[in-house]
Amino acid sequence: MNIKIVADADSVASEAAKFIASEATAAVKAHGSFVMAVSGGHTPWLMLRDLALENLPWNAVHVVQVDERIAPAGDPDRNFTHLRESLLEHAPLRPEQIYPMRVESPDLQAACAQYARTLETVAGSPPVLDLVHLGLGPDGHTASLIPEDPVRNIKDADVALTGIYQGRRRMTLTYPILNRSRRILWLVTGSDKAEILARLLTGDSSIPAGQVRVDHAVVIADRAAASRLGNNSRADVA
């Protein structure tokens, strides 16, 4: 796992946008498309705003969701609401190249299966995502793979439902599809993530994030989040 430490959340967003642009260009050159899965959060929305300004082969870019809260369309709790505002309204990306999780469906299990089929359409069968952006919660969760939730044990589906977490059920990608991806990009900001980031980097598999593959993974963190890493020889400090 490669680690880059930068000054603050704005710098994390900027570095991540440049990294994604490079990965997209390489993927399109290699196999004709770039499929990226995006998580929610304030810094990722900044990242997507910065990404919209990058020179990408946008006609070959496809954006899917890592997870989504069960909430009505347009709800501010929805990651897709912010995804549209941050990327679709600023980048030369056609609406049909962004694939929302249909969490407003009356049959959420069927919606999970439908999203899994959508992923197969854009990323093959089984789907292999070019890049998955993940965040890291202070409790060690990533995507909506939550401590003590049975969703962590799912091995035979790429998309699943969680129980209630912070007031909402969620739809999430599961470990099988995350661990098939070609690249994992972690964005970690804030002093409240310092302890859990240190645990992630020591390979602590007791936390949900620790069960995501570490080869081909990159962490971009701000100094506050990296404050407990010490003199980590793997870190590139900007």
C-alpha atoms as a PDB file:
ATOM      1  CA  MET A   1       0.000   0.000   0.000  1.00  0.00           C
ATOM      2  CA  ASN A   2       1.421   3.358  -1.062  1.00  0.00           C
ATOM      3  CA  ILE A   3       0.766   6.390   1.141  1.00  0.00           C
ATOM      4  CA  LYS A   4       0.915  10.075   0.243  1.00  0.00           C
ATOM      5  CA  ILE A   5       0.568  12.680   2.978  1.00  0.00           C
ATOM      6  CA  VAL A   6      -0.444  16.227   2.048  1.00  0.00           C
ATOM      7  CA  ALA A   7      -1.299  19.364   3.990  1.00  0.00           C
ATOM      8  CA  ASP A   8      -5.080  19.387   4.239  1.00  0.00           C
ATOM      9  CA  ALA A   9      -8.389  18.146   2.839  1.00  0.00           C
ATOM     10  CA  ASP A  10      -8.257  20.491  -0.164  1.00  0.00           C
ATOM     11  CA  SER A  11      -4.848  19.097  -1.065  1.00  0.00           C
ATOM     12  CA  VAL A  12      -6.131  15.538  -0.638  1.00  0.00           C
ATOM     13  CA  ALA A  13      -8.955  16.296  -3.081  1.00  0.00           C
ATOM     14  CA  SER A  14      -6.601  17.871  -5.612  1.00  0.00           C
ATOM     15  CA  GLU A  15      -4.065  15.027  -5.463  1.00  0.00           C
ATOM     16  CA  ALA A  16      -6.835  12.444  -5.760  1.00  0.00           C
ATOM     17  CA  ALA A  17      -8.268  14.136  -8.853  1.00  0.00           C
ATOM     18  CA  LYS A  18      -4.880  14.085 -10.551  1.00  0.00           C
ATOM     19  CA  PHE A  19      -4.384  10.441  -9.608  1.00  0.00           C
ATOM     20  CA  ILE A  20      -7.788   9.436 -10.997  1.00  0.00           C
ATOM     21  CA  ALA A  21      -7.145  11.354 -14.223  1.00  0.00           C
ATOM     22  CA  SER A  22      -3.901   9.432 -14.722  1.00  0.00           C
ATOM     23  CA  GLU A  23      -5.583   6.097 -13.972  1.00  0.00           C
ATOM     24  CA  ALA A  24      -8.439   6.896 -16.360  1.00  0.00           C
ATOM     25  CA  THR A  25      -6.114   7.748 -19.213  1.00  0.00           C
ATOM     26  CA  ALA A  26      -4.151   4.542 -18.689  1.00  0.00           C
ATOM     27  CA  ALA A  27      -7.271   2.373 -18.449  1.00  0.00           C
ATOM     28  CA  VAL A  28      -8.821   3.775 -21.622  1.00  0.00           C
ATOM     29  CA  LYS A  29      -5.550   3.230 -23.467  1.00  0.00           C
ATOM     30  CA  ALA A  30      -5.343  -0.351 -22.137  1.00  0.00           C
ATOM     31  CA  HIS A  31      -8.893  -1.567 -22.649  1.00  0.00           C
ATOM     32  CA  GLY A  32     -11.073   1.229 -23.992  1.00  0.00           C
ATOM     33  CA  SER A  33     -12.969   2.373 -20.897  1.00  0.00           C
ATOM     34  CA  PHE A  34     -12.614   3.492 -17.297  1.00  0.00           C
ATOM     35  CA  VAL A  35     -15.118   2.414 -14.647  1.00  0.00           C
ATOM     36  CA  MET A  36     -14.816   4.213 -11.322  1.00  0.00           C
ATOM     37  CA  ALA A  37     -16.805   3.609  -8.131  1.00  0.00           C
ATOM     38  CA  VAL A  38     -17.232   6.619  -5.845  1.00  0.00           C
ATOM     39  CA  SER A  39     -18.069   6.860  -2.135  1.00  0.00           C
ATOM     40  CA  GLY A  40     -19.655   9.823  -0.372  1.00  0.00           C
ATOM     41  CA  GLY A  41     -18.197  12.524   1.856  1.00  0.00           C
ATOM     42  CA  HIS A  42     -17.165  16.183   1.821  1.00  0.00           C
ATOM     43  CA  THR A  43     -13.614  15.634   0.567  1.00  0.00           C
ATOM     44  CA  PRO A  44     -14.756  13.331  -2.259  1.00  0.00           C
ATOM     45  CA  TRP A  45     -17.160  16.000  -3.482  1.00  0.00           C
ATOM     46  CA  LEU A  46     -14.228  18.421  -3.636  1.00  0.00           C
ATOM     47  CA  MET A  47     -12.243  15.729  -5.453  1.00  0.00           C
ATOM     48  CA  LEU A  48     -14.974  15.370  -8.072  1.00  0.00           C
ATOM     49  CA  ARG A  49     -15.127  19.135  -8.601  1.00  0.00           C
ATOM     50  CA  ASP A  50     -11.368  19.085  -9.228  1.00  0.00           C
ATOM     51  CA  LEU A  51     -11.688  16.012 -11.431  1.00  0.00           C
ATOM     52  CA  ALA A  52     -14.205  17.802 -13.643  1.00  0.00           C
ATOM     53  CA  LEU A  53     -11.413  20.229 -14.604  1.00  0.00           C
ATOM     54  CA  GLU A  54      -9.001  17.467 -15.615  1.00  0.00           C
ATOM     55  CA  ASN A  55      -8.397  16.428 -19.206  1.00  0.00           C
ATOM     56  CA  LEU A  56      -9.966  12.962 -19.202  1.00  0.00           C
ATOM     57  CA  PRO A  57     -11.282  10.827 -22.073  1.00  0.00           C
ATOM     58  CA  TRP A  58     -14.742  11.577 -20.714  1.00  0.00           C
ATOM     59  CA  ASN A  59     -16.637   9.707 -23.435  1.00  0.00           C
ATOM     60  CA  ALA A  60     -15.117   6.445 -22.113  1.00  0.00           C
ATOM     61  CA  VAL A  61     -15.636   7.151 -18.373  1.00  0.00           C
ATOM     62  CA  HIS A  62     -18.344   5.393 -16.353  1.00  0.00           C
ATOM     63  CA  VAL A  63     -19.137   6.278 -12.734  1.00  0.00           C
ATOM     64  CA  VAL A  64     -20.881   3.883 -10.350  1.00  0.00           C
ATOM     65  CA  GLN A  65     -21.662   4.149  -6.659  1.00  0.00           C
ATOM     66  CA  VAL A  66     -19.868   2.400  -3.815  1.00  0.00           C
ATOM     67  CA  ASP A  67     -22.819   2.848  -1.472  1.00  0.00           C
ATOM     68  CA  GLU A  68     -25.998   4.813  -0.943  1.00  0.00           C
ATOM     69  CA  ARG A  69     -28.387   5.630   1.877  1.00  0.00           C
ATOM     70  CA  ILE A  70     -31.976   4.454   1.543  1.00  0.00           C
ATOM     71  CA  ALA A  71     -33.635   7.834   1.047  1.00  0.00           C
ATOM     72  CA  PRO A  72     -35.843   9.554  -1.542  1.00  0.00           C
ATOM     73  CA  ALA A  73     -34.438  10.892  -4.796  1.00  0.00           C
ATOM     74  CA  GLY A  74     -32.879  14.327  -4.302  1.00  0.00           C
ATOM     75  CA  ASP A  75     -32.555  13.898  -0.530  1.00  0.00           C
ATOM     76  CA  PRO A  76     -29.424  15.646   0.835  1.00  0.00           C
ATOM     77  CA  ASP A  77     -28.526  12.383   2.592  1.00  0.00           C
ATOM     78  CA  ARG A  78     -28.160  10.699  -0.799  1.00  0.00           C
ATOM     79  CA  ASN A  79     -24.615  10.379  -2.137  1.00  0.00           C
ATOM     80  CA  PHE A  80     -26.039  10.572  -5.657  1.00  0.00           C
ATOM     81  CA  THR A  81     -27.443  14.048  -4.992  1.00  0.00           C
ATOM     82  CA  HIS A  82     -23.931  15.323  -4.337  1.00  0.00           C
ATOM     83  CA  LEU A  83     -22.427  13.228  -7.111  1.00  0.00           C
ATOM     84  CA  ARG A  84     -24.625  14.991  -9.633  1.00  0.00           C
ATOM     85  CA  GLU A  85     -23.858  18.414  -8.173  1.00  0.00           C
ATOM     86  CA  SER A  86     -20.109  17.847  -7.945  1.00  0.00           C
ATOM     87  CA  LEU A  87     -19.385  16.002 -11.184  1.00  0.00           C
ATOM     88  CA  LEU A  88     -22.258  15.811 -13.629  1.00  0.00           C
ATOM     89  CA  GLU A  89     -22.971  19.535 -13.515  1.00  0.00           C
ATOM     90  CA  HIS A  90     -19.319  20.435 -14.159  1.00  0.00           C
ATOM     91  CA  ALA A  91     -17.744  17.693 -16.289  1.00  0.00           C
ATOM     92  CA  PRO A  92     -18.455  16.875 -19.962  1.00  0.00           C
ATOM     93  CA  LEU A  93     -20.022  13.595 -18.869  1.00  0.00           C
ATOM     94  CA  ARG A  94     -23.342  12.342 -20.225  1.00  0.00           C
ATOM     95  CA  PRO A  95     -25.988  11.528 -17.580  1.00  0.00           C
ATOM     96  CA  GLU A  96     -26.206   7.943 -18.819  1.00  0.00           C
ATOM     97  CA  GLN A  97     -22.544   7.448 -17.891  1.00  0.00           C
ATOM     98  CA  ILE A  98     -23.393   7.752 -14.174  1.00  0.00           C
ATOM     99  CA  TYR A  99     -25.250   4.816 -12.657  1.00  0.00           C
ATOM    100  CA  PRO A 100     -27.265   5.500  -9.482  1.00  0.00           C
ATOM    101  CA  MET A 101     -28.227   2.819  -6.998  1.00  0.00           C
ATOM    102  CA  ARG A 102     -32.050   2.620  -7.143  1.00  0.00           C
ATOM    103  CA  VAL A 103     -32.599   2.919  -3.412  1.00  0.00           C
ATOM    104  CA  GLU A 104     -36.043   4.467  -3.839  1.00  0.00           C
ATOM    105  CA  SER A 105     -37.295   1.118  -5.218  1.00  0.00           C
ATOM    106  CA  PRO A 106     -40.084  -0.596  -3.205  1.00  0.00           C
ATOM    107  CA  ASP A 107     -38.159  -3.887  -3.597  1.00  0.00           C
ATOM    108  CA  LEU A 108     -34.644  -3.212  -2.352  1.00  0.00           C
ATOM    109  CA  GLN A 109     -33.437  -6.793  -2.749  1.00  0.00           C
ATOM    110  CA  ALA A 110     -34.438  -6.705  -6.407  1.00  0.00           C
ATOM    111  CA  ALA A 111     -32.733  -3.308  -6.725  1.00  0.00           C
ATOM    112  CA  CYS A 112     -29.491  -4.843  -5.428  1.00  0.00           C
ATOM    113  CA  ALA A 113     -29.697  -7.588  -8.037  1.00  0.00           C
ATOM    114  CA  GLN A 114     -30.457  -5.038 -10.745  1.00  0.00           C
ATOM    115  CA  TYR A 115     -27.453  -2.924  -9.776  1.00  0.00           C
ATOM    116  CA  ALA A 116     -25.248  -6.006  -9.883  1.00  0.00           C
ATOM    117  CA  ARG A 117     -26.448  -6.593 -13.457  1.00  0.00           C
ATOM    118  CA  THR A 118     -25.712  -2.953 -14.297  1.00  0.00           C
ATOM    119  CA  LEU A 119     -22.168  -3.410 -13.044  1.00  0.00           C
ATOM    120  CA  GLU A 120     -21.794  -6.456 -15.289  1.00  0.00           C
ATOM    121  CA  THR A 121     -22.952  -4.361 -18.243  1.00  0.00           C
ATOM    122  CA  VAL A 122     -20.272  -1.720 -17.741  1.00  0.00           C
ATOM    123  CA  ALA A 123     -17.451  -3.767 -16.173  1.00  0.00           C
ATOM    124  CA  GLY A 124     -17.779  -7.355 -17.391  1.00  0.00           C
ATOM    125  CA  SER A 125     -18.890 -10.589 -15.779  1.00  0.00           C
ATOM    126  CA  PRO A 126     -17.848 -10.801 -13.048  1.00  0.00           C
ATOM    127  CA  PRO A 127     -17.440  -7.015 -12.967  1.00  0.00           C
ATOM    128  CA  VAL A 128     -13.904  -5.699 -12.474  1.00  0.00           C
ATOM    129  CA  LEU A 129     -13.838  -2.003 -11.571  1.00  0.00           C
ATOM    130  CA  ASP A 130     -10.828   0.023 -12.686  1.00  0.00           C
ATOM    131  CA  LEU A 131     -10.783   2.164  -9.543  1.00  0.00           C
ATOM    132  CA  VAL A 132     -12.736   2.182  -6.295  1.00  0.00           C
ATOM    133  CA  HIS A 133     -12.593   5.270  -4.129  1.00  0.00           C
ATOM    134  CA  LEU A 134     -13.088   4.484  -0.447  1.00  0.00           C
ATOM    135  CA  GLY A 135     -13.331   6.528   2.716  1.00  0.00           C
ATOM    136  CA  LEU A 136     -12.511   5.450   6.241  1.00  0.00           C
ATOM    137  CA  GLY A 137     -14.805   5.955   9.216  1.00  0.00           C
ATOM    138  CA  PRO A 138     -13.529   6.481  12.778  1.00  0.00           C
ATOM    139  CA  ASP A 139     -15.100   3.104  13.631  1.00  0.00           C
ATOM    140  CA  GLY A 140     -13.190   1.398  10.807  1.00  0.00           C
ATOM    141  CA  HIS A 141     -16.085   1.107   8.367  1.00  0.00           C
ATOM    142  CA  THR A 142     -15.595   1.642   4.669  1.00  0.00           C
ATOM    143  CA  ALA A 143     -18.199   1.768   1.919  1.00  0.00           C
ATOM    144  CA  SER A 144     -21.202   0.727   4.054  1.00  0.00           C
ATOM    145  CA  LEU A 145     -19.394  -2.316   5.414  1.00  0.00           C
ATOM    146  CA  ILE A 146     -20.162  -1.654   9.037  1.00  0.00           C
ATOM    147  CA  PRO A 147     -18.850  -3.248  12.241  1.00  0.00           C
ATOM    148  CA  GLU A 148     -21.088  -6.094  13.439  1.00  0.00           C
ATOM    149  CA  ASP A 149     -23.350  -5.920  10.375  1.00  0.00           C
ATOM    150  CA  PRO A 150     -23.958  -9.250   8.565  1.00  0.00           C
ATOM    151  CA  VAL A 151     -23.283  -7.495   5.250  1.00  0.00           C
ATOM    152  CA  ARG A 152     -19.581  -8.049   5.994  1.00  0.00           C
ATOM    153  CA  ASN A 153     -20.069 -11.801   5.631  1.00  0.00           C
ATOM    154  CA  ILE A 154     -21.582 -11.760   2.140  1.00  0.00           C
ATOM    155  CA  LYS A 155     -19.422 -13.672  -0.326  1.00  0.00           C
ATOM    156  CA  ASP A 156     -21.862 -14.512  -3.128  1.00  0.00           C
ATOM    157  CA  ALA A 157     -23.194 -11.080  -4.157  1.00  0.00           C
ATOM    158  CA  ASP A 158     -21.554  -7.857  -5.307  1.00  0.00           C
ATOM    159  CA  VAL A 159     -24.317  -5.571  -3.997  1.00  0.00           C
ATOM    160  CA  ALA A 160     -26.195  -5.937  -0.716  1.00  0.00           C
ATOM    161  CA  LEU A 161     -28.259  -4.164   1.948  1.00  0.00           C
ATOM    162  CA  THR A 162     -27.152  -3.224   5.447  1.00  0.00           C
ATOM    163  CA  GLY A 163     -29.065  -2.838   8.654  1.00  0.00           C
ATOM    164  CA  ILE A 164     -29.729   0.620  10.082  1.00  0.00           C
ATOM    165  CA  TYR A 165     -26.553   2.646  10.627  1.00  0.00           C
ATOM    166  CA  GLN A 166     -26.643   6.284  11.744  1.00  0.00           C
ATOM    167  CA  GLY A 167     -30.365   6.375  11.099  1.00  0.00           C
ATOM    168  CA  ARG A 168     -30.431   4.839   7.592  1.00  0.00           C
ATOM    169  CA  ARG A 169     -30.212   1.476   5.897  1.00  0.00           C
ATOM    170  CA  ARG A 170     -27.774   1.459   2.998  1.00  0.00           C
ATOM    171  CA  MET A 171     -27.038  -0.323  -0.247  1.00  0.00           C
ATOM    172  CA  THR A 172     -23.375  -1.144  -0.664  1.00  0.00           C
ATOM    173  CA  LEU A 173     -20.800  -2.888  -2.773  1.00  0.00           C
ATOM    174  CA  THR A 174     -19.435  -5.919  -0.940  1.00  0.00           C
ATOM    175  CA  TYR A 175     -15.947  -7.296  -0.398  1.00  0.00           C
ATOM    176  CA  PRO A 176     -15.978  -9.606  -3.449  1.00  0.00           C
ATOM    177  CA  ILE A 177     -16.279  -6.783  -5.985  1.00  0.00           C
ATOM    178  CA  LEU A 178     -14.062  -4.399  -3.996  1.00  0.00           C
ATOM    179  CA  ASN A 179     -11.325  -7.010  -3.879  1.00  0.00           C
ATOM    180  CA  ARG A 180     -11.561  -7.725  -7.617  1.00  0.00           C
ATOM    181  CA  SER A 181     -10.918  -4.093  -8.487  1.00  0.00           C
ATOM    182  CA  ARG A 182      -7.753  -3.021 -10.258  1.00  0.00           C
ATOM    183  CA  ARG A 183      -7.073  -0.095  -7.925  1.00  0.00           C
ATOM    184  CA  ILE A 184      -8.235   1.052  -4.488  1.00  0.00           C
ATOM    185  CA  LEU A 185      -7.918   4.752  -3.659  1.00  0.00           C
ATOM    186  CA  TRP A 186      -8.383   5.683  -0.010  1.00  0.00           C
ATOM    187  CA  LEU A 187      -8.990   9.319   0.958  1.00  0.00           C
ATOM    188  CA  VAL A 188      -8.538   9.957   4.684  1.00  0.00           C
ATOM    189  CA  THR A 189      -8.789  13.356   6.353  1.00  0.00           C
ATOM    190  CA  GLY A 190      -9.102  14.686   9.896  1.00  0.00           C
ATOM    191  CA  SER A 191      -7.595  13.938  13.272  1.00  0.00           C
ATOM    192  CA  ASP A 192     -10.556  11.714  14.194  1.00  0.00           C
ATOM    193  CA  LYS A 193      -9.258   9.215  11.599  1.00  0.00           C
ATOM    194  CA  ALA A 194      -5.680   9.117  12.902  1.00  0.00           C
ATOM    195  CA  GLU A 195      -5.996   6.032  15.089  1.00  0.00           C
ATOM    196  CA  ILE A 196      -8.019   4.019  12.601  1.00  0.00           C
ATOM    197  CA  LEU A 197      -5.712   4.920   9.701  1.00  0.00           C
ATOM    198  CA  ALA A 198      -2.764   3.621  11.702  1.00  0.00           C
ATOM    199  CA  ARG A 199      -4.683   0.378  12.280  1.00  0.00           C
ATOM    200  CA  LEU A 200      -5.525   0.076   8.591  1.00  0.00           C
ATOM    201  CA  LEU A 201      -1.887   0.450   7.642  1.00  0.00           C
ATOM    202  CA  THR A 202      -0.799  -2.230  10.092  1.00  0.00           C
ATOM    203  CA  GLY A 203      -3.192  -4.690   8.446  1.00  0.00           C
ATOM    204  CA  ASP A 204      -5.758  -4.871  11.248  1.00  0.00           C
ATOM    205  CA  SER A 205      -8.341  -7.248   9.753  1.00  0.00           C
ATOM    206  CA  SER A 206     -10.661  -6.829  12.753  1.00  0.00           C
ATOM    207  CA  ILE A 207     -11.927  -3.549  11.282  1.00  0.00           C
ATOM    208  CA  PRO A 208     -14.087  -3.630   8.148  1.00  0.00           C
ATOM    209  CA  ALA A 209     -11.600  -1.553   6.161  1.00  0.00           C
ATOM    210  CA  GLY A 210      -8.858  -4.027   7.007  1.00  0.00           C
ATOM    211  CA  GLN A 211     -10.515  -6.705   4.873  1.00  0.00           C
ATOM    212  CA  VAL A 212     -10.048  -4.747   1.650  1.00  0.00           C
ATOM    213  CA  ARG A 213      -7.094  -5.801  -0.488  1.00  0.00           C
ATOM    214  CA  VAL A 214      -3.903  -3.835   0.071  1.00  0.00           C
ATOM    215  CA  ASP A 215      -2.011  -4.630  -3.131  1.00  0.00           C
ATOM    216  CA  HIS A 216      -2.654  -1.971  -5.773  1.00  0.00           C
ATOM    217  CA  ALA A 217      -3.977   0.338  -3.022  1.00  0.00           C
ATOM    218  CA  VAL A 218      -3.079   4.004  -2.584  1.00  0.00           C
ATOM    219  CA  VAL A 219      -3.816   6.176   0.451  1.00  0.00           C
ATOM    220  CA  ILE A 220      -3.924   9.960   0.203  1.00  0.00           C
ATOM    221  CA  ALA A 221      -4.200  11.470   3.693  1.00  0.00           C
ATOM    222  CA  ASP A 222      -3.875  14.880   5.240  1.00  0.00           C
ATOM    223  CA  ARG A 223      -1.397  15.565   8.030  1.00  0.00           C
ATOM    224  CA  ALA A 224      -4.054  15.434  10.720  1.00  0.00           C
ATOM    225  CA  ALA A 225      -5.139  11.926   9.707  1.00  0.00           C
ATOM    226  CA  ALA A 226      -1.515  10.812   9.393  1.00  0.00           C
ATOM    227  CA  SER A 227      -0.464  12.183  12.770  1.00  0.00           C
ATOM    228  CA  ARG A 228      -0.066   8.738  14.373  1.00  0.00           C
ATOM    229  CA  LEU A 229       1.893   7.107  11.582  1.00  0.00           C
ATOM    230  CA  GLY A 230       5.304   8.148  12.891  1.00  0.00           C
ATOM    231  CA  ASN A 231       8.251   7.786  10.550  1.00  0.00           C
ATOM    232  CA  ASN A 232       6.550   5.426   8.133  1.00  0.00           C
ATOM    233  CA  SER A 233       9.080   4.605   5.419  1.00  0.00           C
ATOM    234  CA  ARG A 234       6.293   3.912   2.923  1.00  0.00           C
ATOM    235  CA  ALA A 235       4.884   7.421   3.155  1.00  0.00           C
ATOM    236  CA  ASP A 236       5.474  10.084   0.544  1.00  0.00           C
ATOM    237  CA  VAL A 237       5.157  13.405   2.370  1.00  0.00           C
ATOM    238  CA  ALA A 238       4.323  16.398   0.198  1.00  0.00           C
END
